[in-house]
Amino acid sequence: MHRRSLLAAATMMATAITLAGSFAIPAAHAAEDYPSRPIQMIVPWGAGGGTDAVGRVIASLLQEGLGQPVTVINRTGGSGVVGHSAIANAAPDGYTLGIMTIEIDMMHWQGLTDLTYENYDILALVNADPGGVMVSADSGYDTVQALLDKIKAEPKGTFKASGTGQGGIWHLGLAGWLLSEGLEPDYVTFVPSQGAAAGITDMVAGGVDIVPSSLAEGRSMIDADRVKPLASMSAERQAMFPDVPTLKEGTGSDWTLAVWRAVVAPKGLPEDVKAKLIGAVETAYNSEEYQTFMKDRGFGVRWAAGEEATKIVAEDDKALGEVMKKAGLAKQ
């Protein structure tokens, strides 16, 4: 009986090992089979906007590269909180992706959410548009240094700027520049507007003096010789505006800021799935279709993947938090 018991136990163990191995096979090949069903791409901003446009062209190119439908879903509301939350709270299986914007580095400082960039696996930055300093063509200022000298020579509040809502990214861009020049962040009065286009229109009409939005947003008015770009808030001159100096060149300021868009997934992607997605996004980014689309739309392109992209986002989070605190715009 004892020998029979041992034989029976050995047989049961062998069977268990065989079954376990058969169940392990699908798991081992899960990443190889990815994706095996449609993917959704969440865009935290409305249809028709810049982020939506970038999200849709990336989704279309990923669909070609991955061989599965990639459907764009706009989840708007809460100044970006609703959509960013939907991305972060999805299963980290590679079937929910999203377009994360620089607002993720602002929302938690504003007290709107506890979400930060750390709630995501950042696959890649695919776009960046540096801020700038723009004035009306008939303002009389030919250099950013001349403008700065005049701002410093006049009482606080003499100059006015616009280009986004109160506490929006270009408001912070202006405040960061002023702080870097030894001025109070509100030395130039900020007038809220419904975006850069409205701010530029107001500036050309004489309502405000400066618009610190991206030069890309002012391109049509720059080309029409109605707006003069004095500086770029970038480390290097922009390819689209090669004659416009950086702030560093113009005044010695080290302040840089760009709005960016990144392709992300919920935190916790399997490493092999993450690697496959980064490769697919890189192929999409390098495609002639994407590069032409971005150029035609006036969007800047920038590539940074994985850890490098995460480092860039983390640095912006810290810099924007410091500016918001000094400007009285942070709630934590």
Foldseek 3Di string as FASTA:
>chain_A
DVVVVVVVVVVVVVVVVVVVVVVCVCVVCVLVCPPPAAAEEEEADDPPDPSNVLSVLLQVLLCVVRVYHYHYDYQYDLQSPRRVVVQLPDDQALRYKYKDKLCLLVCVQLVSDPGHPVQWQFFKWWFKFWWFKKFWLPPPDDAVVVVVVVLVVDFQQPAEAEFAAVSDPQLLVQLLQQVLVVHQSRSHPYDYDHGRVRRVVCRLVPNGGIYGGGVLVVVVCVVVSGMDTHETQDPADDPVCNPHHHCCVGPNGNGIDIMTITMIGGPDHDPSNSVVVSVSSVVSSPDPVNVVVCVVSSTGTDIDGGPRVVVVSVVSSVSSSVSCVSNVSGDD
